[in-house]
Amino acid sequence: FLIMFLVTAIYAIMGNSLFGDLDDLYFGTFSRALFTMFQVTTGDQWSDLARGLFQGQPLSWRVCVYFVSFHMIVGWTLLQVVVAVLLD
């Protein structure tokens, strides 16, 4: 789970620097961004959050790459944890 926290913290820092000016409620500070990325990890209304960032932003490809890559990395990491628990 340390790898999971590290990936989430890295994406929280990236989210703070990329989207902190656009969405102060979710990415304004590191702690807010970290909680937001935990919310995205659990799948709790992350699509509403992403759609809110798409609106009025000319560089919407950043939002797409950000969330898709985070989901791929987190999904792969969680899959490895589940497989390790089942094999143990």
N, C-alpha and C. Protein backbone atom coordinates (compact mmCIF):
# COMPACT_ATOMS: atom_id res chain seq x y z
N PHE A 1 0.81 -1.20 0.00
CA PHE A 1 0.00 0.00 0.00
C PHE A 1 0.85 1.26 0.00
N LEU A 2 2.12 1.10 0.28
CA LEU A 2 3.02 2.25 0.24
C LEU A 2 3.17 2.76 -1.19
N ILE A 3 3.23 1.85 -2.15
CA ILE A 3 3.30 2.25 -3.55
C ILE A 3 2.03 2.99 -3.96
N MET A 4 0.91 2.51 -3.47
CA MET A 4 -0.37 3.15 -3.77
C MET A 4 -0.41 4.58 -3.22
N PHE A 5 0.07 4.76 -2.00
CA PHE A 5 0.10 6.10 -1.42
C PHE A 5 1.07 6.99 -2.18
N LEU A 6 2.20 6.46 -2.58
CA LEU A 6 3.18 7.23 -3.32
C LEU A 6 2.62 7.70 -4.67
N VAL A 7 1.96 6.81 -5.38
CA VAL A 7 1.35 7.18 -6.67
C VAL A 7 0.26 8.22 -6.46
N THR A 8 -0.56 8.04 -5.44
CA THR A 8 -1.62 9.00 -5.16
C THR A 8 -1.06 10.35 -4.78
N ALA A 9 0.02 10.37 -4.00
CA ALA A 9 0.64 11.64 -3.61
C ALA A 9 1.27 12.34 -4.82
N ILE A 10 1.88 11.59 -5.71
CA ILE A 10 2.48 12.19 -6.91
C ILE A 10 1.39 12.80 -7.78
N TYR A 11 0.29 12.09 -7.96
CA TYR A 11 -0.80 12.63 -8.76
C TYR A 11 -1.49 13.79 -8.06
N ALA A 12 -1.50 13.82 -6.74
CA ALA A 12 -2.05 14.96 -6.02
C ALA A 12 -1.19 16.20 -6.25
N ILE A 13 0.11 16.04 -6.24
CA ILE A 13 1.00 17.16 -6.52
C ILE A 13 0.82 17.64 -7.96
N MET A 14 0.72 16.69 -8.90
CA MET A 14 0.50 17.07 -10.29
C MET A 14 -0.85 17.77 -10.46
N GLY A 15 -1.88 17.27 -9.79
CA GLY A 15 -3.19 17.88 -9.87
C GLY A 15 -3.22 19.27 -9.28
N ASN A 16 -2.48 19.45 -8.20
CA ASN A 16 -2.39 20.78 -7.59
C ASN A 16 -1.72 21.77 -8.53
N SER A 17 -0.67 21.35 -9.20
CA SER A 17 0.02 22.27 -10.09
C SER A 17 -0.72 22.47 -11.41
N LEU A 18 -1.41 21.45 -11.91
CA LEU A 18 -2.12 21.57 -13.19
C LEU A 18 -3.49 22.23 -13.04
N PHE A 19 -4.24 21.85 -12.01
CA PHE A 19 -5.63 22.26 -11.91
C PHE A 19 -5.93 23.11 -10.68
N GLY A 20 -4.93 23.50 -9.93
CA GLY A 20 -5.17 24.28 -8.72
C GLY A 20 -5.82 25.62 -8.98
N ASP A 21 -5.49 26.24 -10.12
CA ASP A 21 -6.11 27.52 -10.46
C ASP A 21 -7.52 27.36 -11.00
N LEU A 22 -7.80 26.22 -11.63
CA LEU A 22 -9.11 26.01 -12.23
C LEU A 22 -10.16 25.57 -11.21
N ASP A 23 -9.76 24.71 -10.28
CA ASP A 23 -10.72 24.16 -9.33
C ASP A 23 -10.10 24.20 -7.93
N ASP A 24 -10.32 25.30 -7.24
CA ASP A 24 -9.73 25.49 -5.92
C ASP A 24 -10.35 24.56 -4.88
N LEU A 25 -11.58 24.15 -5.09
CA LEU A 25 -12.26 23.31 -4.12
C LEU A 25 -11.63 21.92 -4.04
N TYR A 26 -11.25 21.36 -5.17
CA TYR A 26 -10.72 20.00 -5.19
C TYR A 26 -9.19 19.93 -5.27
N PHE A 27 -8.55 20.90 -5.90
CA PHE A 27 -7.11 20.84 -6.12
C PHE A 27 -6.37 22.07 -5.59
N GLY A 28 -6.99 22.85 -4.71
CA GLY A 28 -6.39 24.10 -4.24
C GLY A 28 -5.15 23.90 -3.40
N THR A 29 -5.15 22.92 -2.53
CA THR A 29 -3.99 22.63 -1.68
C THR A 29 -3.62 21.17 -1.85
N PHE A 30 -2.47 20.81 -1.30
CA PHE A 30 -2.03 19.41 -1.42
C PHE A 30 -2.98 18.48 -0.69
N SER A 31 -3.44 18.86 0.48
CA SER A 31 -4.34 17.98 1.24
C SER A 31 -5.67 17.80 0.52
N ARG A 32 -6.20 18.86 -0.07
CA ARG A 32 -7.44 18.74 -0.85
C ARG A 32 -7.22 17.86 -2.07
N ALA A 33 -6.10 18.04 -2.74
CA ALA A 33 -5.81 17.23 -3.92
C ALA A 33 -5.61 15.76 -3.55
N LEU A 34 -4.98 15.51 -2.40
CA LEU A 34 -4.78 14.13 -1.95
C LEU A 34 -6.12 13.47 -1.63
N PHE A 35 -7.01 14.19 -0.97
CA PHE A 35 -8.33 13.65 -0.70
C PHE A 35 -9.12 13.45 -1.98
N THR A 36 -8.97 14.36 -2.93
CA THR A 36 -9.64 14.21 -4.22
C THR A 36 -9.15 12.96 -4.95
N MET A 37 -7.85 12.72 -4.91
CA MET A 37 -7.33 11.53 -5.59
C MET A 37 -7.76 10.25 -4.88
N PHE A 38 -7.94 10.31 -3.57
CA PHE A 38 -8.51 9.16 -2.86
C PHE A 38 -9.95 8.94 -3.31
N GLN A 39 -10.69 10.02 -3.51
CA GLN A 39 -12.05 9.94 -4.01
C GLN A 39 -12.07 9.32 -5.41
N VAL A 40 -11.14 9.71 -6.24
CA VAL A 40 -11.05 9.15 -7.59
C VAL A 40 -10.69 7.66 -7.52
N THR A 41 -9.83 7.28 -6.59
CA THR A 41 -9.44 5.88 -6.44
C THR A 41 -10.64 5.01 -6.09
N THR A 42 -11.51 5.52 -5.21
CA THR A 42 -12.68 4.73 -4.82
C THR A 42 -13.78 4.79 -5.85
N GLY A 43 -13.69 5.71 -6.82
CA GLY A 43 -14.69 5.82 -7.86
C GLY A 43 -15.90 6.64 -7.47
N ASP A 44 -15.78 7.41 -6.43
CA ASP A 44 -16.91 8.19 -5.92
C ASP A 44 -17.05 9.50 -6.69
N GLN A 45 -17.91 9.52 -7.68
CA GLN A 45 -18.25 10.68 -8.50
C GLN A 45 -17.02 11.32 -9.16
N TRP A 46 -16.08 10.51 -9.56
CA TRP A 46 -14.89 11.08 -10.20
C TRP A 46 -15.21 11.61 -11.59
N SER A 47 -16.24 11.04 -12.24
CA SER A 47 -16.58 11.52 -13.58
C SER A 47 -17.16 12.93 -13.52
N ASP A 48 -17.92 13.26 -12.48
CA ASP A 48 -18.42 14.63 -12.33
C ASP A 48 -17.28 15.61 -12.12
N LEU A 49 -16.28 15.18 -11.38
CA LEU A 49 -15.10 16.00 -11.15
C LEU A 49 -14.34 16.24 -12.45
N ALA A 50 -14.16 15.19 -13.24
CA ALA A 50 -13.45 15.33 -14.52
C ALA A 50 -14.25 16.19 -15.50
N ARG A 51 -15.55 16.01 -15.54
CA ARG A 51 -16.38 16.83 -16.44
C ARG A 51 -16.33 18.29 -16.05
N GLY A 52 -16.27 18.57 -14.75
CA GLY A 52 -16.16 19.95 -14.30
C GLY A 52 -14.86 20.60 -14.75
N LEU A 53 -13.78 19.80 -14.83
CA LEU A 53 -12.50 20.34 -15.30
C LEU A 53 -12.48 20.50 -16.81
N PHE A 54 -13.27 19.69 -17.53
CA PHE A 54 -13.33 19.82 -18.99
C PHE A 54 -13.98 21.12 -19.43
N GLN A 55 -14.92 21.62 -18.67
CA GLN A 55 -15.68 22.80 -19.07
C GLN A 55 -14.82 24.05 -19.00
N GLY A 56 -14.76 24.76 -20.09
CA GLY A 56 -14.07 26.03 -20.12
C GLY A 56 -12.56 25.95 -20.11
N GLN A 57 -12.02 24.80 -20.45
CA GLN A 57 -10.57 24.65 -20.47
C GLN A 57 -10.13 24.31 -21.89
N PRO A 58 -9.24 25.11 -22.46
CA PRO A 58 -8.80 24.82 -23.83
C PRO A 58 -7.90 23.58 -23.92
N LEU A 59 -7.21 23.23 -22.84
CA LEU A 59 -6.31 22.08 -22.87
C LEU A 59 -6.95 20.89 -22.17
N SER A 60 -8.07 20.43 -22.70
CA SER A 60 -8.79 19.35 -22.04
C SER A 60 -8.07 18.00 -22.19
N TRP A 61 -7.11 17.89 -23.08
CA TRP A 61 -6.37 16.64 -23.22
C TRP A 61 -5.55 16.36 -21.96
N ARG A 62 -5.16 17.39 -21.23
CA ARG A 62 -4.43 17.18 -19.97
C ARG A 62 -5.31 16.48 -18.95
N VAL A 63 -6.57 16.88 -18.88
CA VAL A 63 -7.50 16.25 -17.94
C VAL A 63 -7.68 14.78 -18.30
N CYS A 64 -7.83 14.51 -19.57
CA CYS A 64 -8.03 13.14 -20.04
C CYS A 64 -6.82 12.27 -19.72
N VAL A 65 -5.65 12.73 -20.06
CA VAL A 65 -4.42 11.96 -19.81
C VAL A 65 -4.21 11.78 -18.31
N TYR A 66 -4.50 12.81 -17.55
CA TYR A 66 -4.31 12.77 -16.10
C TYR A 66 -5.17 11.68 -15.46
N PHE A 67 -6.47 11.70 -15.74
CA PHE A 67 -7.36 10.75 -15.09
C PHE A 67 -7.24 9.34 -15.65
N VAL A 68 -7.05 9.20 -16.95
CA VAL A 68 -6.91 7.86 -17.54
C VAL A 68 -5.63 7.20 -17.06
N SER A 69 -4.53 7.93 -17.04
CA SER A 69 -3.27 7.32 -16.57
C SER A 69 -3.35 6.98 -15.09
N PHE A 70 -4.02 7.83 -14.29
CA PHE A 70 -4.16 7.52 -12.87
C PHE A 70 -4.99 6.26 -12.67
N HIS A 71 -6.08 6.14 -13.40
CA HIS A 71 -6.90 4.94 -13.28
C HIS A 71 -6.16 3.69 -13.72
N MET A 72 -5.38 3.79 -14.77
CA MET A 72 -4.62 2.62 -15.23
C MET A 72 -3.57 2.19 -14.20
N ILE A 73 -2.84 3.14 -13.66
CA ILE A 73 -1.80 2.81 -12.69
C ILE A 73 -2.41 2.26 -11.40
N VAL A 74 -3.46 2.91 -10.91
CA VAL A 74 -4.10 2.46 -9.67
C VAL A 74 -4.76 1.10 -9.87
N GLY A 75 -5.42 0.91 -10.99
CA GLY A 75 -6.04 -0.39 -11.25
C GLY A 75 -5.03 -1.50 -11.33
N TRP A 76 -3.92 -1.25 -11.98
CA TRP A 76 -2.87 -2.27 -12.08
C TRP A 76 -2.28 -2.57 -10.70
N THR A 77 -2.05 -1.54 -9.91
CA THR A 77 -1.48 -1.73 -8.57
C THR A 77 -2.44 -2.51 -7.68
N LEU A 78 -3.71 -2.15 -7.70
CA LEU A 78 -4.69 -2.88 -6.88
C LEU A 78 -4.85 -4.32 -7.35
N LEU A 79 -4.75 -4.55 -8.64
CA LEU A 79 -4.81 -5.91 -9.15
C LEU A 79 -3.65 -6.74 -8.62
N GLN A 80 -2.47 -6.16 -8.58
CA GLN A 80 -1.31 -6.88 -8.04
C GLN A 80 -1.47 -7.20 -6.57
N VAL A 81 -2.08 -6.30 -5.81
CA VAL A 81 -2.33 -6.55 -4.39
C VAL A 81 -3.32 -7.69 -4.21
N VAL A 82 -4.38 -7.70 -5.00
CA VAL A 82 -5.37 -8.77 -4.90
C VAL A 82 -4.76 -10.12 -5.28
N VAL A 83 -3.97 -10.16 -6.32
CA VAL A 83 -3.32 -11.40 -6.72
C VAL A 83 -2.35 -11.88 -5.64
N ALA A 84 -1.61 -10.97 -5.04
CA ALA A 84 -0.68 -11.36 -3.97
C ALA A 84 -1.42 -11.92 -2.77
N VAL A 85 -2.55 -11.35 -2.43
CA VAL A 85 -3.34 -11.86 -1.30
C VAL A 85 -3.92 -13.23 -1.63
N LEU A 86 -4.40 -13.42 -2.85
CA LEU A 86 -4.95 -14.72 -3.22
C LEU A 86 -3.90 -15.81 -3.29
N LEU A 87 -2.70 -15.48 -3.70
CA LEU A 87 -1.64 -16.49 -3.80
C LEU A 87 -1.00 -16.81 -2.45
N ASP A 88 -1.18 -15.94 -1.50
CA ASP A 88 -0.58 -16.16 -0.19
C ASP A 88 -1.41 -17.06 0.61
